[in-house]
Structures are given as structure tokens and as C-alpha cells.
């Protein structure tokens, strides 16, 4: 689920990284509105908000607990626009080009964003995705070995029944069939329990991070659920097939 939604998770974090465009003191509000209209239809824009310097001063005063405007005698802050970009554009090269493009505007004084955070988010998502795949692969291998061992023991406990059926003329397919069906049923039960656990965990994460919309992503849930069911059936079927085949090919003396 994490790997399937890795891009969505990454974009959610990246879309919360603001870029602030500061305007020169002589810039009029009408000029800023023109700037906003110019970028409103750009594909990289998610949303933007104009911050008047007086509003910024009030917020800053609340933060530091002092009336610096009264102390200085004027408001040193500038008009600004806070911009949030779509996740796919919050990359080192893309965001740099957007920054340079903004700076070409004659009214723009400075453009500020957290460059280190952009790099950190991109690098960490890639690393986490890689290690999730590695850990998932390790757990999948352990699960396969455990399932295979359990089914082999189950077949081993019935080795004499298998040989007796074979001696009275039963075909290998006939003997193998009930063991395979039983293991497939166990695989389905295990798969259903696993799906319930995945859905419960996904629901918990969705409540903690509602912006991801994981529970509304029915395609991802369907892919994971079907994948778990198929893996549950395939592993148990293959394990039981080869376990029964081994005892079907043994001579009677070798059973002991």
C-alpha cells in the first residue's frame, strides 16, 4: 500500500512546502493582482494567497509579542504571495526554474523557500520506498517458508493414507486433490485475515492523514486485496502440490 501510494504521500508532503514571493516596496496591490493572474493557469500552481504587509505585521507581532511597527515608526515588511505548487513540480530543478522565472518580474524583490526540505523530502521518500520493498520482500519470503513447512508437515502426517490410496489404485491427481483444496481454503482464510488487517491499518493512517485519501483510493485497495488473495492461493497450492508429489513418488519402505 505504501509503495503504490508513494507518489501520493510524497506529493502531499511536497505540496505543503510554501514558496513566498516578496514584492518591492513601491509595488502596488494592482501590480500584485496582475502577477497572480499571470500564474493562476500555470500547471505547477496548486494554490496561492496574497499576504498584505499590514496583515503580516499583525501576525509577526503576535508571534514575537512586541509591537515592532510602533517601535520602528514604520512597517518594514513587504507585500507577499504564498504559493503552494503541485507535488510533481517540487523537484530541485523544476522549482529552481520557477524561482528564476519569478525573479525576472520587475516587481519581485525576493523568492524564498526551504531548499533543503525539498531535497530532503525527495531523497527520503525514495529511500523509504526502497527499504519498504526490501523489508516486505523479506517478510514475504519468511511467510512462504512458514506456509510451505506447515503444509509439508500436514501432508507428512498423512503419508501412510496417501500410500494406501495409491496401492488400491487411486490416481495421483485424485489423491492430491483434497490436500490441495484444503490448503487453498487455509490460504483464503489467511488472505482474508491479512486483507482485514491491511484495511484496518489503512483506515487508521487515513484518519491520521486525511489529505492522502487512502480509503477513497479504491483502485489501490483492490490491487492489494486481489494480490493478497492470489498470493495466498498460489503459495499454498504450489507448496501442497510438491509436498504430496514427494510422498506419491516414495516407495513404501521409504515412508519409515
Protein backbone atom coordinates (compact mmCIF):
# COMPACT_ATOMS: atom_id res chain seq x y z
CA UNK A 1 0.00 0.00 0.00
CA UNK A 2 2.86 2.34 0.84
CA UNK A 3 4.73 1.64 -2.41
CA UNK A 4 1.58 2.03 -4.54
CA UNK A 5 0.82 5.36 -2.84
CA UNK A 6 4.44 6.52 -2.58
CA UNK A 7 3.95 9.32 -5.12
CA UNK A 8 0.75 10.48 -3.43
CA UNK A 9 2.43 10.50 0.00
CA UNK A 10 5.44 12.32 -1.39
CA UNK A 11 3.30 14.90 -3.20
CA UNK A 12 1.23 15.53 -0.07
CA UNK A 13 4.35 16.49 1.87
CA UNK A 14 5.82 18.49 -1.01
CA UNK A 15 2.61 20.42 -1.64
CA UNK A 16 2.80 21.72 1.94
CA UNK A 17 6.18 23.37 1.31
CA UNK A 18 5.42 27.05 0.59
CA UNK A 19 7.27 29.38 -1.75
CA UNK A 20 6.98 33.01 -0.69
CA UNK A 21 7.36 35.77 -3.28
CA UNK A 22 8.21 39.18 -1.78
CA UNK A 23 7.47 42.36 -3.70
CA UNK A 24 9.35 45.65 -3.76
CA UNK A 25 8.09 48.48 -1.52
CA UNK A 26 6.87 50.56 -4.46
CA UNK A 27 4.73 47.71 -5.81
CA UNK A 28 1.01 48.47 -5.87
CA UNK A 29 -1.67 45.94 -4.97
CA UNK A 30 -2.91 46.11 -8.59
CA UNK A 31 0.53 45.00 -9.82
CA UNK A 32 0.45 42.03 -7.43
CA UNK A 33 -3.02 41.08 -8.69
CA UNK A 34 -1.64 41.13 -12.24
CA UNK A 35 1.18 38.84 -11.13
CA UNK A 36 -1.34 36.46 -9.55
CA UNK A 37 -3.45 36.35 -12.72
CA UNK A 38 -0.35 35.55 -14.79
CA UNK A 39 0.42 32.41 -12.80
CA UNK A 40 -3.11 31.25 -11.95
CA UNK A 41 -3.31 28.99 -15.01
CA UNK A 42 0.21 27.61 -14.73
CA UNK A 43 0.33 23.79 -14.38
CA UNK A 44 2.65 23.97 -11.38
CA UNK A 45 0.26 26.07 -9.25
CA UNK A 46 -1.82 24.33 -6.57
CA UNK A 47 -2.94 27.43 -4.69
CA UNK A 48 -1.75 30.91 -3.72
CA UNK A 49 -2.61 33.53 -1.14
CA UNK A 50 -1.82 37.25 -1.07
CA UNK A 51 -0.46 38.47 2.27
CA UNK A 52 -0.73 42.23 2.80
CA UNK A 53 2.22 43.68 4.70
CA UNK A 54 -0.11 45.06 7.39
CA UNK A 55 -1.58 41.58 7.96
CA UNK A 56 1.95 40.16 8.03
CA UNK A 57 2.93 42.78 10.64
CA UNK A 58 -0.02 41.86 12.90
CA UNK A 59 0.83 38.17 12.64
CA UNK A 60 4.51 38.84 13.30
CA UNK A 61 3.71 40.99 16.33
CA UNK A 62 1.59 38.18 17.75
CA UNK A 63 4.49 35.78 17.24
CA UNK A 64 7.24 37.86 18.86
CA UNK A 65 4.95 39.56 21.39
CA UNK A 66 6.17 43.10 20.58
CA UNK A 67 4.79 45.98 18.52
CA UNK A 68 7.84 46.50 16.30
CA UNK A 69 5.92 48.82 13.95
CA UNK A 70 5.35 51.29 16.79
CA UNK A 71 8.98 50.92 17.88
CA UNK A 72 10.43 51.48 14.39
CA UNK A 73 7.86 54.04 13.33
CA UNK A 74 7.09 52.22 10.05
CA UNK A 75 6.29 48.74 8.76
CA UNK A 76 9.48 47.18 7.33
CA UNK A 77 7.66 44.13 5.95
CA UNK A 78 6.73 43.66 2.29
CA UNK A 79 3.65 42.51 0.44
CA UNK A 80 4.00 38.85 -0.43
CA UNK A 81 2.28 35.90 -2.08
CA UNK A 82 2.46 32.42 -0.55
CA UNK A 83 2.46 29.78 -3.27
CA UNK A 84 1.92 26.04 -2.95
CA UNK A 85 2.89 24.01 -6.00
CA UNK A 86 1.75 20.64 -7.28
CA UNK A 87 3.97 17.86 -5.93
CA UNK A 88 5.49 16.82 -9.25
CA UNK A 89 6.96 20.32 -9.67
CA UNK A 90 8.56 20.39 -6.21
CA UNK A 91 11.81 18.99 -7.53
CA UNK A 92 15.22 20.59 -7.27
CA UNK A 93 15.47 21.59 -10.96
CA UNK A 94 11.79 22.41 -11.56
CA UNK A 95 11.40 24.62 -8.51
CA UNK A 96 14.65 26.42 -9.30
CA UNK A 97 13.39 27.29 -12.79
CA UNK A 98 10.13 28.59 -11.32
CA UNK A 99 12.10 30.70 -8.82
CA UNK A 100 14.23 32.23 -11.61
CA UNK A 101 11.13 32.91 -13.66
CA UNK A 102 9.55 34.80 -10.75
CA UNK A 103 12.69 36.85 -10.20
CA UNK A 104 12.51 38.11 -13.79
CA UNK A 105 9.37 40.05 -12.84
CA UNK A 106 10.29 43.71 -12.24
CA UNK A 107 8.11 43.93 -9.12
CA UNK A 108 9.57 40.87 -7.38
CA UNK A 109 12.20 41.60 -4.76
CA UNK A 110 12.97 38.09 -3.50
CA UNK A 111 11.75 34.48 -3.61
CA UNK A 112 12.18 32.27 -0.54
CA UNK A 113 11.51 28.57 0.02
CA UNK A 114 13.12 25.79 2.04
CA UNK A 115 15.54 24.27 -0.49
CA UNK A 116 16.94 21.74 1.98
CA UNK A 117 13.47 20.48 2.86
CA UNK A 118 12.64 19.95 -0.84
CA UNK A 119 15.78 17.86 -1.30
CA UNK A 120 15.19 16.02 1.99
CA UNK A 121 11.60 15.02 1.13
CA UNK A 122 12.54 13.74 -2.33
CA UNK A 123 15.55 11.76 -1.09
CA UNK A 124 13.81 10.28 1.96
CA UNK A 125 10.71 9.10 0.07
CA UNK A 126 12.95 7.22 -2.38
CA UNK A 127 14.96 5.66 0.46
CA UNK A 128 11.85 4.71 2.46
CA UNK A 129 10.22 3.15 -0.62
CA UNK A 130 13.34 1.08 -1.31
CA UNK A 131 13.59 -0.22 2.26
CA UNK A 132 9.85 -0.93 2.44
CA UNK A 133 10.28 -3.12 -0.64
CA UNK A 134 13.29 -4.87 0.91
CA UNK A 135 11.54 -5.48 4.25
CA UNK A 136 8.31 -6.56 2.53
CA UNK A 137 10.28 -8.98 0.36
CA UNK A 138 11.99 -10.44 3.44
CA UNK A 139 8.67 -10.89 5.27
CA UNK A 140 7.10 -12.42 2.15
CA UNK A 141 9.96 -14.95 1.92
CA UNK A 142 9.61 -15.82 5.63
CA UNK A 143 5.83 -16.25 5.19
CA UNK A 144 6.35 -18.53 2.20
CA UNK A 145 8.83 -20.70 4.12
CA UNK A 146 6.49 -20.96 7.12
CA UNK A 147 3.48 -21.82 4.97
CA UNK A 148 5.49 -24.36 3.00
CA UNK A 149 6.84 -26.01 6.17
CA UNK A 150 3.37 -26.17 7.77
CA UNK A 151 1.79 -27.75 4.70
CA UNK A 152 4.63 -30.24 4.29
CA UNK A 153 4.13 -31.34 7.92
CA UNK A 154 0.39 -31.67 7.30
CA UNK A 155 0.98 -33.87 4.26
CA UNK A 156 3.71 -35.82 6.08
CA UNK A 157 1.26 -36.78 8.84
CA UNK A 158 -0.96 -38.36 6.16
CA UNK A 159 1.81 -40.12 4.21
CA UNK A 160 0.53 -43.61 5.07
CA UNK A 161 -3.00 -42.72 3.93
CA UNK A 162 -1.56 -41.37 0.68
CA UNK A 163 0.39 -44.58 0.06
CA UNK A 164 -2.61 -46.77 0.97
CA UNK A 165 -4.82 -44.92 -1.51
CA UNK A 166 -2.12 -45.25 -4.14
CA UNK A 167 -1.82 -49.01 -3.53
CA UNK A 168 -5.56 -49.57 -4.09
CA UNK A 169 -5.40 -47.86 -7.47
CA UNK A 170 -6.17 -44.18 -6.83
CA UNK A 171 -4.53 -41.79 -9.30
CA UNK A 172 -2.08 -39.14 -8.18
CA UNK A 173 -4.48 -36.34 -9.15
CA UNK A 174 -7.31 -37.92 -7.14
CA UNK A 175 -5.09 -38.33 -4.06
CA UNK A 176 -3.66 -34.84 -4.37
CA UNK A 177 -6.99 -33.06 -4.87
CA UNK A 178 -8.34 -32.99 -1.23
CA UNK A 179 -4.95 -31.88 0.12
CA UNK A 180 -4.73 -29.07 -2.43
CA UNK A 181 -8.31 -27.90 -1.78
CA UNK A 182 -7.77 -27.94 1.96
CA UNK A 183 -4.59 -25.87 1.66
CA UNK A 184 -6.27 -23.41 -0.71
CA UNK A 185 -9.09 -22.90 1.83
CA UNK A 186 -6.46 -22.22 4.51
CA UNK A 187 -4.74 -19.82 2.13
CA UNK A 188 -8.03 -17.98 1.52
CA UNK A 189 -8.70 -17.70 5.26
CA UNK A 190 -5.20 -16.31 5.81
CA UNK A 191 -5.61 -13.91 2.88
CA UNK A 192 -8.96 -12.61 4.18
CA UNK A 193 -7.44 -12.02 7.64
CA UNK A 194 -4.50 -10.21 6.02
CA UNK A 195 -6.84 -8.03 3.94
CA UNK A 196 -8.83 -7.11 7.06
CA UNK A 197 -5.57 -6.16 8.82
CA UNK A 198 -4.42 -4.07 5.84
CA UNK A 199 -7.78 -2.27 5.64
CA UNK A 200 -7.74 -1.58 9.38
CA UNK A 201 -4.21 -0.14 9.19
CA UNK A 202 -5.08 1.87 6.07
CA UNK A 203 -8.16 3.27 7.81
CA UNK A 204 -6.05 4.30 10.81
CA UNK A 205 -3.47 6.06 8.59
CA UNK A 206 -6.29 7.70 6.62
CA UNK A 207 -7.71 9.19 9.83
CA UNK A 208 -4.27 10.49 10.84
CA UNK A 209 -3.52 11.88 7.37
CA UNK A 210 -6.91 12.57 5.75
CA UNK A 211 -5.36 14.57 2.91
CA UNK A 212 -3.96 11.34 1.44
CA UNK A 213 -7.47 9.94 0.88
CA UNK A 214 -6.25 6.35 1.15
CA UNK A 215 -9.67 4.84 1.91
CA UNK A 216 -11.12 6.58 -1.15
CA UNK A 217 -8.43 5.12 -3.40
CA UNK A 218 -10.48 2.05 -4.31
CA UNK A 219 -8.10 1.05 -7.11
CA UNK A 220 -5.10 0.68 -4.79
CA UNK A 221 -7.17 -1.20 -2.21
CA UNK A 222 -8.49 -3.53 -4.93
CA UNK A 223 -4.98 -4.18 -6.30
CA UNK A 224 -3.57 -5.02 -2.86
CA UNK A 225 -6.58 -7.16 -1.88
CA UNK A 226 -6.58 -9.17 -5.10
CA UNK A 227 -2.80 -9.53 -4.84
CA UNK A 228 -3.06 -10.93 -1.30
CA UNK A 229 -5.78 -13.40 -2.36
CA UNK A 230 -3.77 -14.61 -5.36
CA UNK A 231 -0.57 -14.97 -3.35
CA UNK A 232 -2.45 -16.84 -0.61
CA UNK A 233 -3.84 -19.31 -3.15
CA UNK A 234 -0.70 -19.72 -5.25
CA UNK A 235 1.71 -20.29 -2.34
CA UNK A 236 -0.50 -22.89 -0.68
CA UNK A 237 -1.31 -24.63 -3.96
CA UNK A 238 2.34 -24.92 -5.05
CA UNK A 239 3.54 -26.00 -1.59
CA UNK A 240 0.88 -28.70 -1.27
CA UNK A 241 1.37 -29.92 -4.83
CA UNK A 242 5.08 -30.55 -4.38
CA UNK A 243 4.67 -31.91 -0.84
CA UNK A 244 2.13 -34.54 -1.97
CA UNK A 245 4.11 -35.28 -5.11
CA UNK A 246 7.14 -36.11 -2.99
CA UNK A 247 5.27 -38.73 -0.97
CA UNK A 248 3.48 -40.09 -4.03
CA UNK A 249 6.84 -40.83 -5.60
CA UNK A 250 8.27 -42.52 -2.49
CA UNK A 251 8.46 -46.30 -2.16
CA UNK A 252 6.62 -47.87 0.78
CA UNK A 253 9.86 -48.67 2.63
CA UNK A 254 10.98 -45.03 2.37
CA UNK A 255 7.91 -43.85 4.29
CA UNK A 256 9.53 -45.03 7.50
